[in-house]
Amino acid sequence: MIRVLICDDQEVVREGLRAILSTDPEIQVVSMAHNGAQALDLIPHSRPDVVLMDLKMPIMNGIQATRRIVEEHPEVRVLVLTTYDADEWVFDAIRGGAAGYLLKDTPGKDLVKAIRDTAAGKTAVDPKVAGKLFNHVARSTSVTDTSVTDALSKREREVLGLLARGLTNADIASRLYLSEGTIRNYVSSVLSKLEVSDRTQAAVIALRHGLVDLSEI
C-alpha cells in the first residue's frame, strides 16, 4: 500500500485529488494539509510514502516544505503538483529535493502512475515542461562534480546531455546520426553506470551536479 499525504491550500483540489487517488486500491490517502507547515506536523503521525505538494500556499509554501521534508524525513518522497509550467519556484523545488514535477491538468490515470513511480524511486516529470525545466537547472547550476560521470564514455556523455534536454531516443538518434537501437543501448548503459532506474533520474543527477553544458550541445 502506498501512503499519500496531499498538501494544497484549496479544499476542492484536495478532495478532487483524493477522489482520483481512491480509484487505485494500492493507494491510500492518509492525510491532507492546507499548507507546508501543517504537512510537516502531520508526517510523523500519518507516515506517508509520498507527499503530493502544491507550491503557492500561505504560512509555509511548497518550496520551503519540500526542503524541510527532505532534510527531516528523507524516507518520504515529494511529488510537486502545480498549475505553473514556467515558474521559478518549480526549479527551486527540484533543487530543493523534489522527486518530480507535474501540472495539475495531468490526467487522473497519469497522476496515479506518477504516484506509483515516485513511491518506487522513479522521477516523474511532466513531458510538457521537462525540456525547459532541465535547461533552466542546467544553465543555472554552479556546482560541478565530474566524478559522478567519470565512468561514462564520451559518447555516453553526449547521450546524457541530450537526454537532459528532454529529447527522446529517436531525437537523439537523429542528432547523433545513430540508430535508435544503438541509442537505447547507450541510455541503458548510462542508467546502469549512474545507478538509477530511469532516464529522468539520470538527467536530474547530471543537471544538479552541473555536468551538462547545454550551450555546447
N, C-alpha and C. Protein backbone atom coordinates (compact mmCIF):
# COMPACT_ATOMS: atom_id res chain seq x y z
N MET A 1 0.84 -1.19 0.00
CA MET A 1 0.00 0.00 0.00
C MET A 1 0.88 1.26 0.00
N ILE A 2 0.58 2.20 -0.90
CA ILE A 2 1.30 3.46 -0.98
C ILE A 2 0.52 4.52 -0.21
N ARG A 3 1.15 5.06 0.81
CA ARG A 3 0.51 6.05 1.66
C ARG A 3 0.83 7.46 1.16
N VAL A 4 -0.21 8.27 0.94
CA VAL A 4 -0.04 9.60 0.33
C VAL A 4 -0.60 10.69 1.23
N LEU A 5 0.16 11.77 1.36
CA LEU A 5 -0.31 12.98 2.03
C LEU A 5 -0.50 14.03 0.94
N ILE A 6 -1.68 14.62 0.87
CA ILE A 6 -1.98 15.67 -0.11
C ILE A 6 -1.85 17.03 0.56
N CYS A 7 -1.03 17.92 -0.03
CA CYS A 7 -0.83 19.25 0.52
C CYS A 7 -1.20 20.30 -0.53
N ASP A 8 -2.32 20.99 -0.30
CA ASP A 8 -2.81 22.02 -1.22
C ASP A 8 -3.70 22.96 -0.43
N ASP A 9 -3.63 24.26 -0.71
CA ASP A 9 -4.39 25.21 0.10
C ASP A 9 -5.86 25.30 -0.28
N GLN A 10 -6.27 24.63 -1.35
CA GLN A 10 -7.66 24.67 -1.78
C GLN A 10 -8.35 23.34 -1.45
N GLU A 11 -9.40 23.43 -0.65
CA GLU A 11 -10.11 22.22 -0.22
C GLU A 11 -10.68 21.45 -1.40
N VAL A 12 -11.22 22.16 -2.39
CA VAL A 12 -11.82 21.48 -3.53
C VAL A 12 -10.78 20.68 -4.30
N VAL A 13 -9.55 21.20 -4.36
CA VAL A 13 -8.47 20.48 -5.03
C VAL A 13 -8.07 19.25 -4.22
N ARG A 14 -7.94 19.42 -2.91
CA ARG A 14 -7.57 18.28 -2.06
C ARG A 14 -8.58 17.16 -2.20
N GLU A 15 -9.86 17.51 -2.15
CA GLU A 15 -10.90 16.48 -2.25
C GLU A 15 -10.92 15.84 -3.63
N GLY A 16 -10.68 16.64 -4.66
CA GLY A 16 -10.63 16.09 -6.01
C GLY A 16 -9.48 15.12 -6.18
N LEU A 17 -8.32 15.47 -5.63
CA LEU A 17 -7.16 14.58 -5.72
C LEU A 17 -7.41 13.30 -4.94
N ARG A 18 -8.03 13.42 -3.78
CA ARG A 18 -8.33 12.22 -3.00
C ARG A 18 -9.27 11.29 -3.77
N ALA A 19 -10.24 11.88 -4.45
CA ALA A 19 -11.17 11.07 -5.23
C ALA A 19 -10.45 10.34 -6.37
N ILE A 20 -9.53 11.04 -7.02
CA ILE A 20 -8.77 10.41 -8.12
C ILE A 20 -7.90 9.27 -7.60
N LEU A 21 -7.19 9.52 -6.52
CA LEU A 21 -6.28 8.50 -6.00
C LEU A 21 -7.02 7.32 -5.40
N SER A 22 -8.25 7.53 -4.96
CA SER A 22 -9.03 6.44 -4.37
C SER A 22 -9.44 5.39 -5.40
N THR A 23 -9.27 5.72 -6.69
CA THR A 23 -9.61 4.75 -7.73
C THR A 23 -8.58 3.62 -7.81
N ASP A 24 -7.43 3.81 -7.18
CA ASP A 24 -6.40 2.76 -7.17
C ASP A 24 -6.39 2.10 -5.79
N PRO A 25 -6.68 0.80 -5.72
CA PRO A 25 -6.75 0.12 -4.42
C PRO A 25 -5.42 0.03 -3.70
N GLU A 26 -4.32 0.32 -4.41
CA GLU A 26 -3.00 0.24 -3.79
C GLU A 26 -2.52 1.58 -3.25
N ILE A 27 -3.36 2.62 -3.39
CA ILE A 27 -3.00 3.95 -2.90
C ILE A 27 -3.98 4.36 -1.81
N GLN A 28 -3.44 4.84 -0.70
CA GLN A 28 -4.26 5.30 0.41
C GLN A 28 -3.89 6.72 0.79
N VAL A 29 -4.86 7.63 0.74
CA VAL A 29 -4.63 9.00 1.19
C VAL A 29 -4.74 8.99 2.71
N VAL A 30 -3.62 9.18 3.39
CA VAL A 30 -3.60 9.06 4.85
C VAL A 30 -3.84 10.38 5.57
N SER A 31 -3.61 11.51 4.87
CA SER A 31 -3.88 12.81 5.49
C SER A 31 -3.85 13.89 4.42
N MET A 32 -4.41 15.06 4.77
CA MET A 32 -4.42 16.20 3.86
C MET A 32 -4.06 17.46 4.65
N ALA A 33 -3.27 18.32 4.01
CA ALA A 33 -2.81 19.55 4.65
C ALA A 33 -3.10 20.74 3.75
N HIS A 34 -3.32 21.92 4.37
CA HIS A 34 -3.60 23.11 3.57
C HIS A 34 -2.40 24.03 3.45
N ASN A 35 -1.26 23.66 4.05
CA ASN A 35 -0.01 24.39 3.83
C ASN A 35 1.15 23.51 4.26
N GLY A 36 2.37 23.95 3.95
CA GLY A 36 3.54 23.14 4.22
C GLY A 36 3.77 22.88 5.69
N ALA A 37 3.48 23.87 6.54
CA ALA A 37 3.69 23.69 7.98
C ALA A 37 2.80 22.59 8.52
N GLN A 38 1.56 22.56 8.08
CA GLN A 38 0.65 21.51 8.53
C GLN A 38 1.11 20.14 8.03
N ALA A 39 1.60 20.10 6.80
CA ALA A 39 2.10 18.84 6.25
C ALA A 39 3.23 18.29 7.11
N LEU A 40 4.16 19.16 7.50
CA LEU A 40 5.27 18.73 8.36
C LEU A 40 4.76 18.21 9.70
N ASP A 41 3.73 18.84 10.24
CA ASP A 41 3.17 18.38 11.50
C ASP A 41 2.51 17.01 11.36
N LEU A 42 1.93 16.75 10.21
CA LEU A 42 1.19 15.51 10.01
C LEU A 42 2.07 14.31 9.67
N ILE A 43 3.24 14.54 9.08
CA ILE A 43 4.08 13.44 8.61
C ILE A 43 4.43 12.43 9.69
N PRO A 44 4.84 12.83 10.89
CA PRO A 44 5.22 11.83 11.89
C PRO A 44 4.06 10.89 12.27
N HIS A 45 2.83 11.39 12.18
CA HIS A 45 1.67 10.59 12.58
C HIS A 45 1.10 9.78 11.42
N SER A 46 1.07 10.38 10.23
CA SER A 46 0.46 9.69 9.09
C SER A 46 1.44 8.82 8.32
N ARG A 47 2.74 9.09 8.47
CA ARG A 47 3.82 8.30 7.87
C ARG A 47 3.59 8.03 6.36
N PRO A 48 3.49 9.08 5.56
CA PRO A 48 3.27 8.87 4.12
C PRO A 48 4.53 8.40 3.41
N ASP A 49 4.32 7.73 2.30
CA ASP A 49 5.43 7.37 1.41
C ASP A 49 5.70 8.50 0.43
N VAL A 50 4.61 9.18 0.03
CA VAL A 50 4.68 10.26 -0.96
C VAL A 50 3.87 11.44 -0.46
N VAL A 51 4.42 12.65 -0.61
CA VAL A 51 3.66 13.88 -0.36
C VAL A 51 3.39 14.52 -1.71
N LEU A 52 2.13 14.74 -2.02
CA LEU A 52 1.73 15.44 -3.24
C LEU A 52 1.65 16.91 -2.90
N MET A 53 2.60 17.71 -3.37
CA MET A 53 2.85 19.05 -2.85
C MET A 53 2.54 20.16 -3.85
N ASP A 54 1.64 21.07 -3.46
CA ASP A 54 1.43 22.30 -4.23
C ASP A 54 2.56 23.27 -3.89
N LEU A 55 2.73 24.32 -4.67
CA LEU A 55 3.82 25.26 -4.42
C LEU A 55 3.38 26.53 -3.72
N LYS A 56 2.37 27.22 -4.26
CA LYS A 56 1.96 28.51 -3.71
C LYS A 56 0.91 28.31 -2.63
N MET A 57 1.38 28.43 -1.37
CA MET A 57 0.49 28.25 -0.22
C MET A 57 0.89 29.25 0.86
N PRO A 58 -0.06 29.61 1.75
CA PRO A 58 0.26 30.54 2.83
C PRO A 58 1.06 29.87 3.95
N ILE A 59 1.61 30.67 4.84
CA ILE A 59 2.34 30.24 6.05
C ILE A 59 3.66 29.58 5.70
N MET A 60 3.62 28.43 5.03
CA MET A 60 4.83 27.78 4.53
C MET A 60 4.55 27.25 3.14
N ASN A 61 5.25 27.78 2.12
CA ASN A 61 4.98 27.35 0.75
C ASN A 61 5.59 25.99 0.45
N GLY A 62 5.33 25.50 -0.75
CA GLY A 62 5.78 24.16 -1.12
C GLY A 62 7.28 24.01 -1.23
N ILE A 63 7.98 25.08 -1.60
CA ILE A 63 9.44 25.03 -1.69
C ILE A 63 10.04 24.84 -0.31
N GLN A 64 9.61 25.66 0.63
CA GLN A 64 10.11 25.57 2.00
C GLN A 64 9.78 24.21 2.61
N ALA A 65 8.56 23.75 2.38
CA ALA A 65 8.15 22.48 2.94
C ALA A 65 8.93 21.31 2.34
N THR A 66 9.17 21.37 1.04
CA THR A 66 9.93 20.30 0.38
C THR A 66 11.32 20.18 0.99
N ARG A 67 11.99 21.31 1.15
CA ARG A 67 13.33 21.28 1.73
C ARG A 67 13.33 20.69 3.14
N ARG A 68 12.34 21.08 3.94
CA ARG A 68 12.26 20.58 5.32
C ARG A 68 11.97 19.08 5.33
N ILE A 69 11.07 18.65 4.45
CA ILE A 69 10.72 17.22 4.41
C ILE A 69 11.93 16.39 4.01
N VAL A 70 12.65 16.84 2.99
CA VAL A 70 13.83 16.11 2.53
C VAL A 70 14.88 16.02 3.63
N GLU A 71 15.03 17.11 4.39
CA GLU A 71 16.03 17.14 5.47
C GLU A 71 15.60 16.30 6.67
N GLU A 72 14.33 16.41 7.06
CA GLU A 72 13.87 15.80 8.30
C GLU A 72 13.27 14.41 8.11
N HIS A 73 12.78 14.13 6.90
CA HIS A 73 12.14 12.84 6.64
C HIS A 73 12.63 12.31 5.28
N PRO A 74 13.89 11.94 5.17
CA PRO A 74 14.45 11.52 3.88
C PRO A 74 13.77 10.30 3.27
N GLU A 75 13.05 9.56 4.08
CA GLU A 75 12.35 8.39 3.55
C GLU A 75 11.08 8.76 2.79
N VAL A 76 10.63 10.01 2.92
CA VAL A 76 9.41 10.48 2.25
C VAL A 76 9.80 11.17 0.94
N ARG A 77 9.12 10.82 -0.14
CA ARG A 77 9.39 11.45 -1.44
C ARG A 77 8.31 12.48 -1.74
N VAL A 78 8.76 13.63 -2.25
CA VAL A 78 7.85 14.75 -2.54
C VAL A 78 7.63 14.86 -4.04
N LEU A 79 6.36 14.81 -4.45
CA LEU A 79 5.99 14.99 -5.85
C LEU A 79 5.23 16.30 -5.96
N VAL A 80 5.83 17.28 -6.64
CA VAL A 80 5.19 18.59 -6.79
C VAL A 80 4.06 18.50 -7.82
N LEU A 81 2.92 19.09 -7.48
CA LEU A 81 1.78 19.16 -8.39
C LEU A 81 1.31 20.61 -8.40
N THR A 82 1.55 21.30 -9.52
CA THR A 82 1.31 22.75 -9.57
C THR A 82 0.60 23.16 -10.85
N THR A 83 0.08 24.38 -10.84
CA THR A 83 -0.57 24.95 -12.02
C THR A 83 0.45 25.53 -12.99
N TYR A 84 1.63 25.88 -12.49
CA TYR A 84 2.58 26.68 -13.25
C TYR A 84 3.60 25.83 -14.00
N ASP A 85 3.80 26.14 -15.30
CA ASP A 85 4.76 25.39 -16.10
C ASP A 85 6.01 26.21 -16.40
N ALA A 86 6.10 27.43 -15.88
CA ALA A 86 7.29 28.25 -16.12
C ALA A 86 7.58 29.11 -14.90
N ASP A 87 7.39 28.56 -13.74
CA ASP A 87 7.55 29.30 -12.50
C ASP A 87 8.91 28.99 -11.89
N GLU A 88 9.63 30.02 -11.45
CA GLU A 88 10.94 29.82 -10.83
C GLU A 88 10.84 28.89 -9.62
N TRP A 89 9.69 28.88 -8.97
CA TRP A 89 9.53 28.01 -7.82
C TRP A 89 9.66 26.54 -8.21
N VAL A 90 9.26 26.21 -9.42
CA VAL A 90 9.37 24.82 -9.88
C VAL A 90 10.83 24.40 -9.89
N PHE A 91 11.70 25.26 -10.43
CA PHE A 91 13.12 24.95 -10.49
C PHE A 91 13.70 24.85 -9.08
N ASP A 92 13.26 25.74 -8.19
CA ASP A 92 13.72 25.68 -6.81
C ASP A 92 13.28 24.39 -6.13
N ALA A 93 12.10 23.90 -6.51
CA ALA A 93 11.60 22.65 -5.92
C ALA A 93 12.50 21.48 -6.28
N ILE A 94 12.94 21.44 -7.53
CA ILE A 94 13.83 20.36 -7.96
C ILE A 94 15.15 20.46 -7.22
N ARG A 95 15.70 21.67 -7.13
CA ARG A 95 16.94 21.85 -6.38
C ARG A 95 16.75 21.54 -4.91
N GLY A 96 15.54 21.76 -4.41
CA GLY A 96 15.26 21.50 -3.00
C GLY A 96 15.06 20.04 -2.66
N GLY A 97 15.03 19.19 -3.69
CA GLY A 97 14.94 17.77 -3.43
C GLY A 97 13.65 17.09 -3.85
N ALA A 98 12.75 17.81 -4.55
CA ALA A 98 11.52 17.18 -5.01
C ALA A 98 11.83 16.01 -5.94
N ALA A 99 11.06 14.95 -5.82
CA ALA A 99 11.28 13.76 -6.63
C ALA A 99 10.71 13.89 -8.03
N GLY A 100 9.86 14.90 -8.24
CA GLY A 100 9.28 15.07 -9.57
C GLY A 100 8.37 16.27 -9.60
N TYR A 101 7.82 16.54 -10.79
CA TYR A 101 7.02 17.74 -11.01
C TYR A 101 5.95 17.46 -12.06
N LEU A 102 4.70 17.71 -11.70
CA LEU A 102 3.58 17.52 -12.61
C LEU A 102 2.71 18.77 -12.63
N LEU A 103 1.96 18.93 -13.72
CA LEU A 103 0.97 20.00 -13.80
C LEU A 103 -0.38 19.49 -13.31
N LYS A 104 -1.20 20.41 -12.83
CA LYS A 104 -2.49 20.00 -12.29
C LYS A 104 -3.48 19.53 -13.34
N ASP A 105 -3.17 19.74 -14.61
CA ASP A 105 -4.05 19.20 -15.64
C ASP A 105 -3.64 17.79 -16.07
N THR A 106 -2.74 17.18 -15.33
CA THR A 106 -2.34 15.81 -15.61
C THR A 106 -3.54 14.88 -15.50
N PRO A 107 -3.80 14.04 -16.50
CA PRO A 107 -4.93 13.10 -16.43
C PRO A 107 -4.83 12.21 -15.19
N GLY A 108 -5.98 11.83 -14.68
CA GLY A 108 -6.02 11.04 -13.46
C GLY A 108 -5.18 9.78 -13.51
N LYS A 109 -5.26 9.05 -14.63
CA LYS A 109 -4.51 7.80 -14.73
C LYS A 109 -3.01 8.05 -14.72
N ASP A 110 -2.59 9.19 -15.29
CA ASP A 110 -1.16 9.53 -15.29
C ASP A 110 -0.70 9.97 -13.90
N LEU A 111 -1.58 10.63 -13.17
CA LEU A 111 -1.25 11.02 -11.81
C LEU A 111 -1.08 9.79 -10.93
N VAL A 112 -1.97 8.84 -11.07
CA VAL A 112 -1.88 7.59 -10.31
C VAL A 112 -0.57 6.88 -10.63
N LYS A 113 -0.23 6.82 -11.91
CA LYS A 113 1.02 6.17 -12.31
C LYS A 113 2.22 6.91 -11.73
N ALA A 114 2.16 8.24 -11.73
CA ALA A 114 3.26 9.04 -11.19
C ALA A 114 3.44 8.79 -9.69
N ILE A 115 2.34 8.64 -8.98
CA ILE A 115 2.41 8.32 -7.55
C ILE A 115 3.09 6.98 -7.36
N ARG A 116 2.69 6.01 -8.17
CA ARG A 116 3.30 4.67 -8.07
C ARG A 116 4.79 4.74 -8.40
N ASP A 117 5.13 5.44 -9.46
CA ASP A 117 6.54 5.55 -9.87
C ASP A 117 7.36 6.27 -8.80
N THR A 118 6.80 7.33 -8.24
CA THR A 118 7.52 8.09 -7.22
C THR A 118 7.79 7.22 -6.00
N ALA A 119 6.79 6.46 -5.58
CA ALA A 119 6.96 5.56 -4.43
C ALA A 119 8.01 4.49 -4.71
N ALA A 120 8.15 4.12 -6.01
CA ALA A 120 9.11 3.09 -6.39
C ALA A 120 10.52 3.64 -6.60
N GLY A 121 10.68 4.96 -6.38
CA GLY A 121 12.01 5.55 -6.51
C GLY A 121 12.30 6.19 -7.84
N LYS A 122 11.29 6.26 -8.72
CA LYS A 122 11.48 6.88 -10.02
C LYS A 122 11.15 8.37 -9.94
N THR A 123 11.47 9.09 -11.02
CA THR A 123 11.25 10.53 -11.07
C THR A 123 10.22 10.87 -12.13
N ALA A 124 9.11 11.46 -11.71
CA ALA A 124 8.04 11.82 -12.64
C ALA A 124 8.12 13.30 -12.99
N VAL A 125 8.24 13.60 -14.28
CA VAL A 125 8.27 14.99 -14.73
C VAL A 125 7.33 15.13 -15.92
N ASP A 126 6.45 16.12 -15.87
CA ASP A 126 5.51 16.35 -16.96
C ASP A 126 6.28 16.58 -18.26
N PRO A 127 6.00 15.82 -19.31
CA PRO A 127 6.75 15.96 -20.56
C PRO A 127 6.61 17.34 -21.21
N LYS A 128 5.54 18.06 -20.89
CA LYS A 128 5.33 19.38 -21.49
C LYS A 128 6.32 20.42 -20.96
N VAL A 129 6.92 20.14 -19.83
CA VAL A 129 7.84 21.13 -19.25
C VAL A 129 9.22 20.56 -18.97
N ALA A 130 9.43 19.28 -19.26
CA ALA A 130 10.71 18.65 -18.94
C ALA A 130 11.89 19.37 -19.59
N GLY A 131 11.75 19.72 -20.86
CA GLY A 131 12.86 20.35 -21.57
C GLY A 131 13.26 21.68 -20.95
N LYS A 132 12.26 22.57 -20.71
CA LYS A 132 12.59 23.88 -20.15
C LYS A 132 13.07 23.76 -18.71
N LEU A 133 12.53 22.80 -17.97
CA LEU A 133 12.97 22.59 -16.59
C LEU A 133 14.43 22.21 -16.55
N PHE A 134 14.80 21.21 -17.36
CA PHE A 134 16.18 20.74 -17.35
C PHE A 134 17.13 21.81 -17.89
N ASN A 135 16.70 22.54 -18.92
CA ASN A 135 17.54 23.61 -19.44
C ASN A 135 17.83 24.65 -18.37
N HIS A 136 16.80 25.04 -17.64
CA HIS A 136 16.99 26.07 -16.62
C HIS A 136 17.92 25.60 -15.52
N VAL A 137 17.68 24.40 -15.01
CA VAL A 137 18.52 23.89 -13.92
C VAL A 137 19.95 23.74 -14.39
N ALA A 138 20.13 23.26 -15.60
CA ALA A 138 21.49 23.04 -16.10
C ALA A 138 22.23 24.36 -16.27
N ARG A 139 21.55 25.37 -16.77
CA ARG A 139 22.23 26.64 -17.03
C ARG A 139 22.48 27.44 -15.75
N SER A 140 21.67 27.19 -14.72
CA SER A 140 21.79 27.98 -13.50
C SER A 140 22.63 27.33 -12.43
N THR A 141 22.95 26.04 -12.60
CA THR A 141 23.71 25.36 -11.56
C THR A 141 25.14 25.87 -11.51
N SER A 142 25.70 25.92 -10.32
CA SER A 142 27.07 26.39 -10.16
C SER A 142 27.99 25.34 -9.56
N VAL A 143 27.44 24.17 -9.26
CA VAL A 143 28.23 23.10 -8.65
C VAL A 143 28.61 22.08 -9.70
N THR A 144 29.87 21.80 -9.83
CA THR A 144 30.34 20.82 -10.80
C THR A 144 31.03 19.68 -10.08
N ASP A 145 30.61 18.46 -10.38
CA ASP A 145 31.21 17.27 -9.77
C ASP A 145 31.33 16.22 -10.86
N THR A 146 32.40 16.30 -11.63
CA THR A 146 32.57 15.41 -12.77
C THR A 146 32.81 13.97 -12.35
N SER A 147 33.13 13.72 -11.09
CA SER A 147 33.36 12.35 -10.65
C SER A 147 32.11 11.49 -10.81
N VAL A 148 30.94 12.15 -10.82
CA VAL A 148 29.69 11.41 -10.97
C VAL A 148 29.63 10.68 -12.30
N THR A 149 30.22 11.27 -13.34
CA THR A 149 30.15 10.65 -14.67
C THR A 149 31.52 10.21 -15.19
N ASP A 150 32.49 10.02 -14.30
CA ASP A 150 33.82 9.56 -14.72
C ASP A 150 33.75 8.23 -15.47
N ALA A 151 32.77 7.41 -15.12
CA ALA A 151 32.67 6.09 -15.72
C ALA A 151 32.06 6.12 -17.12
N LEU A 152 31.51 7.27 -17.53
CA LEU A 152 30.86 7.36 -18.83
C LEU A 152 31.86 7.65 -19.94
N SER A 153 31.62 7.04 -21.10
CA SER A 153 32.44 7.34 -22.27
C SER A 153 32.02 8.69 -22.84
N LYS A 154 32.82 9.21 -23.79
CA LYS A 154 32.49 10.49 -24.41
C LYS A 154 31.12 10.43 -25.07
N ARG A 155 30.84 9.34 -25.78
CA ARG A 155 29.55 9.21 -26.45
C ARG A 155 28.41 9.12 -25.44
N GLU A 156 28.63 8.41 -24.34
CA GLU A 156 27.60 8.30 -23.31
C GLU A 156 27.30 9.67 -22.69
N ARG A 157 28.32 10.50 -22.56
CA ARG A 157 28.10 11.83 -22.03
C ARG A 157 27.30 12.69 -23.02
N GLU A 158 27.57 12.49 -24.30
CA GLU A 158 26.78 13.19 -25.32
C GLU A 158 25.31 12.79 -25.21
N VAL A 159 25.08 11.48 -25.06
CA VAL A 159 23.71 10.97 -24.94
C VAL A 159 23.05 11.54 -23.69
N LEU A 160 23.79 11.56 -22.59
CA LEU A 160 23.28 12.10 -21.34
C LEU A 160 22.91 13.58 -21.49
N GLY A 161 23.75 14.33 -22.19
CA GLY A 161 23.48 15.74 -22.40
C GLY A 161 22.19 15.98 -23.16
N LEU A 162 21.97 15.19 -24.20
CA LEU A 162 20.75 15.33 -25.00
C LEU A 162 19.55 14.81 -24.23
N LEU A 163 19.74 13.75 -23.47
CA LEU A 163 18.68 13.21 -22.63
C LEU A 163 18.24 14.26 -21.61
N ALA A 164 19.20 15.01 -21.09
CA ALA A 164 18.90 16.03 -20.08
C ALA A 164 18.08 17.18 -20.65
N ARG A 165 18.05 17.32 -21.96
CA ARG A 165 17.22 18.35 -22.60
C ARG A 165 15.81 17.85 -22.83
N GLY A 166 15.55 16.60 -22.48
CA GLY A 166 14.22 16.03 -22.66
C GLY A 166 14.00 15.39 -24.02
N LEU A 167 15.09 15.18 -24.79
CA LEU A 167 14.95 14.57 -26.11
C LEU A 167 14.63 13.08 -26.00
N THR A 168 13.83 12.58 -26.92
CA THR A 168 13.51 11.16 -26.98
C THR A 168 14.67 10.39 -27.61
N ASN A 169 14.62 9.06 -27.51
CA ASN A 169 15.65 8.24 -28.16
C ASN A 169 15.72 8.50 -29.65
N ALA A 170 14.56 8.67 -30.27
CA ALA A 170 14.53 8.93 -31.71
C ALA A 170 15.18 10.27 -32.05
N ASP A 171 14.91 11.27 -31.22
CA ASP A 171 15.51 12.59 -31.44
C ASP A 171 17.03 12.54 -31.28
N ILE A 172 17.48 11.81 -30.25
CA ILE A 172 18.92 11.68 -30.00
C ILE A 172 19.59 10.94 -31.15
N ALA A 173 18.93 9.88 -31.63
CA ALA A 173 19.48 9.11 -32.74
C ALA A 173 19.65 10.00 -33.97
N SER A 174 18.66 10.84 -34.24
CA SER A 174 18.73 11.74 -35.38
C SER A 174 19.85 12.75 -35.21
N ARG A 175 20.00 13.26 -34.00
CA ARG A 175 21.03 14.27 -33.72
C ARG A 175 22.44 13.70 -33.86
N LEU A 176 22.64 12.46 -33.43
CA LEU A 176 23.97 11.86 -33.43
C LEU A 176 24.22 10.95 -34.64
N TYR A 177 23.23 10.86 -35.54
CA TYR A 177 23.35 10.03 -36.75
C TYR A 177 23.63 8.57 -36.39
N LEU A 178 22.88 8.08 -35.40
CA LEU A 178 22.98 6.68 -34.99
C LEU A 178 21.59 6.06 -35.03
N SER A 179 21.52 4.74 -34.95
CA SER A 179 20.23 4.07 -34.95
C SER A 179 19.56 4.23 -33.59
N GLU A 180 18.24 4.13 -33.58
CA GLU A 180 17.52 4.25 -32.32
C GLU A 180 17.87 3.10 -31.38
N GLY A 181 18.13 1.92 -31.95
CA GLY A 181 18.54 0.79 -31.12
C GLY A 181 19.87 1.04 -30.42
N THR A 182 20.79 1.66 -31.14
CA THR A 182 22.09 2.00 -30.54
C THR A 182 21.91 3.00 -29.41
N ILE A 183 21.04 3.97 -29.59
CA ILE A 183 20.78 4.96 -28.54
C ILE A 183 20.16 4.29 -27.33
N ARG A 184 19.25 3.34 -27.55
CA ARG A 184 18.66 2.62 -26.41
C ARG A 184 19.75 1.92 -25.61
N ASN A 185 20.72 1.35 -26.31
CA ASN A 185 21.81 0.67 -25.61
C ASN A 185 22.65 1.67 -24.81
N TYR A 186 22.92 2.84 -25.41
CA TYR A 186 23.68 3.87 -24.69
C TYR A 186 22.93 4.34 -23.45
N VAL A 187 21.62 4.57 -23.60
CA VAL A 187 20.82 5.03 -22.47
C VAL A 187 20.83 4.00 -21.34
N SER A 188 20.69 2.72 -21.70
CA SER A 188 20.72 1.65 -20.69
C SER A 188 22.06 1.64 -19.96
N SER A 189 23.14 1.84 -20.71
CA SER A 189 24.47 1.87 -20.12
C SER A 189 24.63 3.06 -19.17
N VAL A 190 24.12 4.22 -19.58
CA VAL A 190 24.19 5.41 -18.74
C VAL A 190 23.43 5.19 -17.43
N LEU A 191 22.22 4.64 -17.52
CA LEU A 191 21.42 4.39 -16.33
C LEU A 191 22.13 3.43 -15.38
N SER A 192 22.73 2.40 -15.96
CA SER A 192 23.44 1.41 -15.15
C SER A 192 24.63 2.04 -14.43
N LYS A 193 25.41 2.83 -15.16
CA LYS A 193 26.62 3.42 -14.57
C LYS A 193 26.28 4.50 -13.54
N LEU A 194 25.17 5.19 -13.73
CA LEU A 194 24.76 6.20 -12.76
C LEU A 194 23.95 5.60 -11.62
N GLU A 195 23.64 4.31 -11.76
CA GLU A 195 22.89 3.57 -10.74
C GLU A 195 21.52 4.19 -10.47
N VAL A 196 20.80 4.46 -11.56
CA VAL A 196 19.44 4.99 -11.46
C VAL A 196 18.51 4.09 -12.27
N SER A 197 17.21 4.23 -12.03
CA SER A 197 16.25 3.32 -12.66
C SER A 197 15.53 3.90 -13.87
N ASP A 198 15.65 5.22 -14.11
CA ASP A 198 15.00 5.78 -15.29
C ASP A 198 15.78 6.99 -15.80
N ARG A 199 15.48 7.39 -17.04
CA ARG A 199 16.23 8.43 -17.73
C ARG A 199 16.07 9.80 -17.07
N THR A 200 14.92 10.06 -16.47
CA THR A 200 14.72 11.34 -15.83
C THR A 200 15.62 11.50 -14.61
N GLN A 201 15.79 10.43 -13.84
CA GLN A 201 16.71 10.47 -12.71
C GLN A 201 18.13 10.76 -13.19
N ALA A 202 18.52 10.15 -14.30
CA ALA A 202 19.86 10.39 -14.85
C ALA A 202 20.02 11.87 -15.23
N ALA A 203 18.99 12.43 -15.85
CA ALA A 203 19.06 13.84 -16.25
C ALA A 203 19.15 14.75 -15.04
N VAL A 204 18.36 14.47 -14.02
CA VAL A 204 18.37 15.30 -12.82
C VAL A 204 19.74 15.25 -12.14
N ILE A 205 20.35 14.06 -12.07
CA ILE A 205 21.68 13.94 -11.49
C ILE A 205 22.67 14.80 -12.26
N ALA A 206 22.65 14.69 -13.58
CA ALA A 206 23.58 15.45 -14.41
C ALA A 206 23.40 16.95 -14.22
N LEU A 207 22.15 17.39 -14.17
CA LEU A 207 21.88 18.81 -14.08
C LEU A 207 22.17 19.37 -12.70
N ARG A 208 21.86 18.60 -11.67
CA ARG A 208 22.14 19.06 -10.31
C ARG A 208 23.63 19.23 -10.06
N HIS A 209 24.44 18.40 -10.72
CA HIS A 209 25.88 18.44 -10.49
C HIS A 209 26.61 19.31 -11.52
N GLY A 210 25.86 19.99 -12.38
CA GLY A 210 26.50 20.88 -13.34
C GLY A 210 27.33 20.15 -14.36
N LEU A 211 26.90 18.94 -14.73
CA LEU A 211 27.71 18.11 -15.63
C LEU A 211 27.37 18.32 -17.09
N VAL A 212 26.31 19.08 -17.35
CA VAL A 212 25.86 19.24 -18.73
C VAL A 212 25.84 20.71 -19.08
N ASP A 213 26.62 21.09 -20.08
CA ASP A 213 26.60 22.46 -20.60
C ASP A 213 25.80 22.44 -21.89
N LEU A 214 24.54 22.77 -21.78
CA LEU A 214 23.66 22.65 -22.94
C LEU A 214 24.01 23.65 -24.04
N SER A 215 24.72 24.69 -23.70
CA SER A 215 25.08 25.68 -24.73
C SER A 215 26.08 25.10 -25.73
N GLU A 216 26.73 24.01 -25.38
CA GLU A 216 27.72 23.41 -26.26
C GLU A 216 27.18 22.22 -27.03
N ILE A 217 25.91 21.90 -26.81
CA ILE A 217 25.33 20.74 -27.49
C ILE A 217 24.64 21.16 -28.77
